[in-house]
Protein backbone atom coordinates (compact mmCIF):
# COMPACT_ATOMS: atom_id res chain seq x y z
CA MET A 1 -21.07 -32.50 13.79
CA THR A 2 -17.48 -32.03 12.55
CA GLN A 3 -15.80 -28.75 13.39
CA GLN A 4 -14.76 -26.63 10.40
CA LYS A 5 -10.98 -26.46 10.04
CA HIS A 6 -9.38 -23.06 10.48
CA LYS A 7 -8.03 -21.40 7.34
CA SER A 8 -5.30 -18.78 7.26
CA GLY A 9 -2.88 -17.36 4.70
CA PHE A 10 -1.00 -14.49 3.11
CA VAL A 11 -2.86 -12.81 0.25
CA ASN A 12 -0.35 -10.50 -1.40
CA ILE A 13 -1.43 -7.73 -3.77
CA ILE A 14 1.00 -6.74 -6.54
CA GLY A 15 0.79 -4.81 -9.80
CA ASN A 16 2.03 -1.76 -11.66
CA PRO A 17 1.67 1.80 -10.29
CA ASN A 18 -1.73 3.53 -10.29
CA VAL A 19 -3.92 0.47 -10.94
CA GLY A 20 -5.65 0.79 -7.55
CA LYS A 21 -3.83 -1.74 -5.35
CA SER A 22 -4.07 0.39 -2.22
CA THR A 23 -7.74 1.24 -2.82
CA LEU A 24 -8.46 -2.48 -3.25
CA MET A 25 -6.52 -3.40 -0.12
CA ASN A 26 -8.35 -0.79 1.96
CA ALA A 27 -11.71 -1.99 0.62
CA LEU A 28 -10.92 -5.63 1.42
CA VAL A 29 -9.65 -4.83 4.91
CA GLY A 30 -12.35 -2.28 5.72
CA GLU A 31 -9.76 0.18 7.07
CA LYS A 32 -7.68 2.88 5.42
CA LEU A 33 -4.26 1.34 6.00
CA SER A 34 -2.59 2.33 2.72
CA ILE A 35 -2.45 5.94 1.58
CA VAL A 36 -4.11 6.61 -1.76
CA THR A 37 -3.24 9.38 -4.24
CA ALA A 38 -3.20 9.72 -8.03
CA LYS A 39 0.61 9.87 -8.03
CA ALA A 40 2.77 6.87 -8.89
CA GLN A 41 4.92 5.32 -6.14
CA THR A 42 2.51 6.39 -3.41
CA THR A 43 3.08 3.09 -1.57
CA ARG A 44 6.70 2.60 -0.53
CA HIS A 45 6.42 -0.19 2.03
CA ARG A 46 4.77 -3.57 2.26
CA ILE A 47 1.75 -2.97 4.50
CA MET A 48 -0.28 -5.81 5.98
CA GLY A 49 -3.97 -5.67 6.81
CA ILE A 50 -5.39 -8.56 8.84
CA VAL A 51 -9.04 -9.62 8.69
CA ASN A 52 -10.32 -12.16 11.22
CA GLU A 53 -13.35 -14.38 11.67
CA ASP A 54 -13.79 -17.42 13.92
CA ASN A 55 -12.80 -19.91 11.23
CA TRP A 56 -10.33 -17.92 9.15
CA GLN A 57 -7.70 -15.20 9.07
CA ILE A 58 -6.67 -13.38 5.88
CA VAL A 59 -3.38 -11.45 5.95
CA TYR A 60 -3.51 -9.02 3.03
CA SER A 61 -0.34 -7.23 1.87
CA ASP A 62 -0.26 -4.03 -0.15
CA THR A 63 3.03 -3.53 -2.02
CA PRO A 64 4.75 -0.77 -4.02
CA GLY A 65 3.92 -0.54 -7.71
CA ILE A 66 6.28 -2.49 -9.97
CA ILE A 67 8.89 -0.19 -11.54
CA LYS A 68 12.39 -0.36 -12.96
CA PRO A 69 14.52 1.03 -10.09
CA HIS A 70 16.60 4.17 -10.65
CA TYR A 71 18.02 4.56 -7.13
CA LYS A 72 18.49 2.51 -3.95
CA LEU A 73 15.14 3.49 -2.39
CA GLN A 74 13.33 2.08 -5.43
CA GLU A 75 15.50 -1.07 -5.29
CA SER A 76 14.32 -1.59 -1.71
CA MET A 77 10.71 -1.02 -2.78
CA MET A 78 11.05 -3.75 -5.42
CA ASP A 79 12.60 -6.05 -2.80
CA PHE A 80 9.28 -5.75 -0.90
CA VAL A 81 7.43 -6.86 -4.07
CA ASP A 82 9.73 -9.83 -4.65
CA THR A 83 9.41 -10.92 -1.01
CA ALA A 84 5.62 -10.71 -1.29
CA ILE A 85 5.68 -12.95 -4.37
CA GLY A 86 7.93 -15.42 -2.54
CA ASP A 87 5.86 -15.85 0.64
CA ALA A 88 2.33 -15.66 -0.80
CA ASP A 89 -0.33 -18.29 -0.29
CA ILE A 90 -2.42 -16.40 -2.86
CA ILE A 91 -1.29 -13.65 -5.27
CA ILE A 92 -3.69 -10.93 -6.39
CA TYR A 93 -2.27 -9.29 -9.51
CA VAL A 94 -4.09 -6.01 -10.11
CA THR A 95 -4.42 -4.40 -13.53
CA ASP A 96 -7.01 -1.93 -14.80
CA VAL A 97 -9.03 -1.16 -17.92
CA VAL A 98 -6.40 1.14 -19.52
CA GLU A 99 -3.11 -0.58 -18.71
CA LYS A 100 -1.21 -2.29 -21.54
CA ARG A 101 -0.93 -6.01 -20.92
CA ASP A 102 2.75 -6.21 -21.86
CA LYS A 103 3.84 -3.67 -19.22
CA ASN A 104 6.49 -5.34 -17.03
CA ILE A 105 5.89 -8.63 -18.82
CA ALA A 106 8.69 -10.24 -16.76
CA TYR A 107 6.37 -10.23 -13.74
CA ILE A 108 3.58 -11.86 -15.76
CA GLU A 109 6.04 -14.63 -16.65
CA LYS A 110 6.94 -14.95 -12.96
CA LEU A 111 3.27 -15.41 -12.08
CA ASN A 112 2.95 -18.24 -14.59
CA GLN A 113 5.78 -20.08 -12.80
CA LEU A 114 4.16 -19.87 -9.37
CA GLU A 115 2.58 -22.87 -7.69
CA CYS A 116 0.27 -20.80 -5.48
CA PRO A 117 -3.12 -19.62 -6.82
CA VAL A 118 -3.08 -16.36 -8.81
CA ILE A 119 -6.14 -14.12 -9.00
CA LEU A 120 -6.02 -11.48 -11.72
CA VAL A 121 -8.14 -8.48 -10.77
CA ILE A 122 -9.17 -6.10 -13.56
CA ASN A 123 -9.90 -2.90 -11.61
CA LYS A 124 -11.76 0.32 -12.53
CA ILE A 125 -14.36 -1.45 -14.67
CA ASP A 126 -16.73 1.44 -13.88
CA LEU A 127 -14.63 3.41 -16.40
CA SER A 128 -15.23 0.91 -19.22
CA THR A 129 -18.03 -1.06 -20.90
CA GLN A 130 -19.12 -4.63 -20.31
CA GLU A 131 -18.09 -5.63 -23.85
CA LYS A 132 -14.57 -4.25 -23.43
CA VAL A 133 -14.17 -5.89 -20.02
CA VAL A 134 -15.20 -9.29 -21.44
CA GLU A 135 -12.66 -8.80 -24.24
CA MET A 136 -9.94 -7.90 -21.71
CA MET A 137 -10.71 -11.00 -19.64
CA SER A 138 -10.24 -13.15 -22.72
CA GLN A 139 -6.92 -11.46 -23.60
CA TRP A 140 -5.62 -11.79 -20.04
CA LYS A 141 -6.58 -15.47 -20.01
CA GLU A 142 -4.13 -15.99 -22.87
CA LEU A 143 -1.33 -14.39 -20.83
CA LEU A 144 -2.24 -16.01 -17.49
CA PRO A 145 -4.05 -19.24 -18.37
CA LYS A 146 -4.04 -20.62 -14.79
CA ALA A 147 -5.26 -17.42 -13.15
CA GLU A 148 -8.79 -16.78 -11.91
CA ILE A 149 -9.88 -13.50 -13.54
CA ILE A 150 -12.26 -11.21 -11.65
CA PRO A 151 -13.34 -7.74 -12.84
CA VAL A 152 -14.00 -5.24 -10.02
CA SER A 153 -14.35 -1.60 -9.15
CA ALA A 154 -12.51 -1.02 -5.87
CA THR A 155 -13.76 2.55 -5.50
CA GLU A 156 -17.39 1.51 -6.11
CA LYS A 157 -16.86 -1.75 -4.13
CA PHE A 158 -18.36 -3.64 -7.08
CA ASN A 159 -17.83 -7.43 -7.30
CA LEU A 160 -15.61 -7.48 -4.18
CA GLU A 161 -17.85 -10.17 -2.69
CA LYS A 162 -16.96 -12.54 -5.53
CA LEU A 163 -13.28 -11.69 -5.06
CA PHE A 164 -13.53 -12.38 -1.33
CA ASP A 165 -15.34 -15.71 -1.88
CA THR A 166 -12.59 -16.75 -4.31
CA ILE A 167 -9.87 -15.82 -1.80
CA LEU A 168 -11.61 -17.79 0.95
CA ALA A 169 -11.94 -20.83 -1.32
CA TYR A 170 -8.20 -20.81 -2.07
CA LEU A 171 -7.13 -20.05 1.53
CA PRO A 172 -5.12 -22.97 2.98
CA VAL A 173 -6.04 -24.82 6.16
CA SER A 174 -3.78 -23.35 8.83
CA PRO A 175 -3.87 -21.90 12.35
CA PRO A 176 -3.87 -18.08 12.49
CA TRP A 177 -0.53 -16.36 11.86
CA TYR A 178 -1.37 -13.38 14.09
CA ASP A 179 -3.43 -12.77 17.22
CA LYS A 180 -7.11 -12.62 16.40
CA ASP A 181 -7.37 -9.01 17.58
CA ALA A 182 -4.52 -7.83 15.29
CA PHE A 183 -5.47 -5.75 12.25
CA THR A 184 -2.04 -4.76 10.89
CA ASP A 185 1.67 -5.45 11.36
CA LYS A 186 2.48 -1.72 11.43
CA SER A 187 2.71 0.59 14.46
CA LEU A 188 0.69 3.74 15.12
CA ARG A 189 3.92 5.72 14.55
CA PHE A 190 4.08 4.27 11.03
CA PHE A 191 0.52 5.36 10.24
CA ALA A 192 1.23 8.85 11.60
CA SER A 193 4.18 9.17 9.20
CA GLU A 194 2.15 7.80 6.27
CA ILE A 195 -0.69 10.26 6.90
CA ILE A 196 1.79 13.16 6.76
CA ARG A 197 3.38 11.73 3.60
CA GLU A 198 -0.04 11.44 1.96
CA LYS A 199 -0.65 15.16 2.54
CA ILE A 200 2.74 15.97 1.01
CA LEU A 201 1.82 13.89 -2.05
CA LEU A 202 -1.47 15.75 -2.35
CA ASN A 203 -0.18 19.29 -1.70
CA TYR A 204 3.13 19.42 -3.59
CA SER A 205 3.99 18.74 -7.19
CA GLN A 206 6.98 17.70 -9.31
CA GLU A 207 9.83 16.04 -7.44
CA ILE A 208 8.98 17.20 -3.90
CA PRO A 209 6.93 14.13 -2.75
CA TYR A 210 9.56 11.73 -4.14
CA CYS A 211 12.41 13.48 -2.30
CA THR A 212 10.77 13.48 1.14
CA GLU A 213 10.75 10.96 3.97
CA VAL A 214 8.80 11.47 7.19
CA VAL A 215 10.29 10.35 10.51
CA ILE A 216 8.28 10.43 13.75
CA GLU A 217 10.61 11.78 16.43
CA GLU A 218 8.12 11.85 19.31
CA PHE A 219 4.92 9.85 19.78
CA GLN A 220 3.34 10.11 23.22
CA GLU A 221 -0.15 9.03 24.15
CA GLY A 222 -1.74 10.97 26.98
CA LYS A 223 -5.19 10.68 28.53
CA GLU A 224 -6.60 13.43 26.35
CA ARG A 225 -4.43 13.40 23.21
CA TYR A 226 -1.42 12.17 21.25
CA ASP A 227 1.63 14.46 21.17
CA ILE A 228 3.41 13.84 17.88
CA SER A 229 6.54 15.46 16.53
CA ALA A 230 7.68 14.65 12.98
CA VAL A 231 10.66 15.56 10.82
CA ILE A 232 10.20 15.79 7.05
CA ASN A 233 13.53 14.97 5.42
CA VAL A 234 14.23 16.56 2.04
CA MET A 235 17.29 16.41 -0.23
CA ARG A 236 17.94 20.12 -0.96
CA ASN A 237 17.51 23.53 0.66
CA SER A 238 15.28 24.65 -2.21
CA GLN A 239 12.89 21.77 -1.40
CA LYS A 240 12.87 22.80 2.25
CA GLY A 241 11.78 26.30 1.21
CA ILE A 242 8.98 24.98 -0.98
CA LEU A 243 7.72 22.63 1.76
CA ILE A 244 7.61 25.42 4.35
CA GLY A 245 6.17 28.03 1.98
CA ASN A 246 5.71 31.76 2.48
CA LYS A 247 5.72 32.47 6.23
CA GLY A 248 5.23 28.76 6.87
CA ALA A 249 1.80 28.68 5.23
CA ALA A 250 2.34 25.53 3.12
CA LEU A 251 3.71 23.49 6.02
CA LYS A 252 0.90 24.70 8.28
CA LYS A 253 -1.71 23.58 5.72
CA THR A 254 -0.08 20.13 5.43
CA GLY A 255 0.13 19.82 9.22
CA THR A 256 -3.52 20.81 9.74
CA GLN A 257 -4.75 18.28 7.16
CA ALA A 258 -2.56 15.54 8.65
CA ARG A 259 -3.72 16.30 12.20
CA ILE A 260 -7.40 16.07 11.20
CA ASP A 261 -6.83 12.69 9.54
CA MET A 262 -4.80 11.42 12.51
CA GLU A 263 -7.57 12.37 14.92
CA ASP A 264 -10.00 10.41 12.76
CA PHE A 265 -7.64 7.40 12.54
CA PHE A 266 -6.54 7.36 16.20
CA GLU A 267 -9.97 8.46 17.54
CA LYS A 268 -8.29 10.91 19.88
CA LYS A 269 -7.11 14.54 19.80
CA VAL A 270 -3.66 15.11 18.28
CA PHE A 271 -1.10 17.85 18.87
CA LEU A 272 1.24 17.74 15.85
CA LYS A 273 4.54 19.54 15.32
CA LEU A 274 6.30 19.39 11.94
CA TYR A 275 9.94 20.23 11.17
CA VAL A 276 11.84 20.13 7.88
CA LYS A 277 15.43 18.90 7.65
CA VAL A 278 17.83 18.63 4.70
CA GLU A 279 19.26 15.11 4.37
CA PRO A 280 21.24 15.17 1.09
CA ASP A 281 20.80 12.19 -1.22
CA TRP A 282 19.11 10.01 1.43
CA ARG A 283 17.52 7.85 -1.30
CA GLU A 284 20.97 6.47 -2.19
CA ASN A 285 22.28 6.20 1.38
CA ARG A 286 22.10 2.60 2.59
CA ARG A 287 22.43 3.57 6.27
CA LYS A 288 19.64 6.13 5.99
CA LEU A 289 17.40 3.68 4.14
CA ARG A 290 17.96 1.18 6.94
CA ASP A 291 17.13 3.85 9.54
CA PHE A 292 13.96 4.74 7.62
CA GLY A 293 12.84 1.09 7.53
CA TYR A 294 13.46 0.26 3.86
CA ILE A 295 16.31 -2.18 4.43
CA TYR A 296 16.37 -4.96 7.01
CA GLU A 297 19.78 -6.33 8.00
C-alpha cells in the first residue's frame, strides 16, 4: 500500500473591505484569530492560521482589505496584501453579494496574471437569492475565467466543506512549513492587543478607532493568571479624552470587555491595565510604524 504524499501550502485570503474575509478565515481555521467588526479596515496585519492533519497542513492568511492608501500605515497594510499575493500557493479572492465587480479592478487583473490557482468566494449568499447568486457566478466567470467560483455564507458556515475540498485538491505536495502543533504565526501578546483594538472598534465611532494603536507593555503569565498592561496610542489630546470618558467610564468598559474575551481566548484569568498615550501623527511616522510591527526592515 503506497503512503499518501504530504500536502502543504499557503492559502492567502484577499479582497475589498467588509466582504467577510476575517469571518471566513476564522471559520476555516476553527479559531477566532482575526477580529471581526462591521467597520472597514478592521484587519491591519497579515494573520496566519494553521490547520493540521496527518497528511496535510494548510497555512491560511487573512489580510487587510484592499484600499487606496492615504497615509503610511495604509501603505504598509497594502504591502501585506501584495506580499500575500506574491507568496501564495492558492489565492482566495473574497467578494460578496452586494459588492460591485469593478471595485479595485486592478487587483482582478493581477489575479488573471497569476499562475497559482485562484478561488473566487462569493460570500454572504444568505442575504441574496439563488437566482441572483447564479447570475453573479456567471458575471464573475467573465472577469476571472480561470478561477473556481464557490458561493458561501461564512457566518452560517454554508458550503465551506466544498471550499475546503477545493483547497485540499489544489494544495501542492510539500512537507509541512510549520510544526504540526502550531496554529498561528502570531504571539499571545499580539492577540491581546488585537482583542483590545476590537473593543475600541466596537465602542467608539468616527475617527477614533483609525487613530489608535495598542501596544502591550507587560505580558506575564503566572500560575493563576496573566498580568497584562497595554498602552492605547492616540494622535490628539481630544481623542485621549474621548477614549477615557467621563471619570474613566468608557475606558473601564473597553477594558472589562477585553479582559472577558482574553480570559476566554487564553483559558486563564487575566488582570488587565489600560493606559492612553498621545503619539502625534504615528500613522505617518516610519519609525513608529516599524516599532508597531507594520514595517519590517
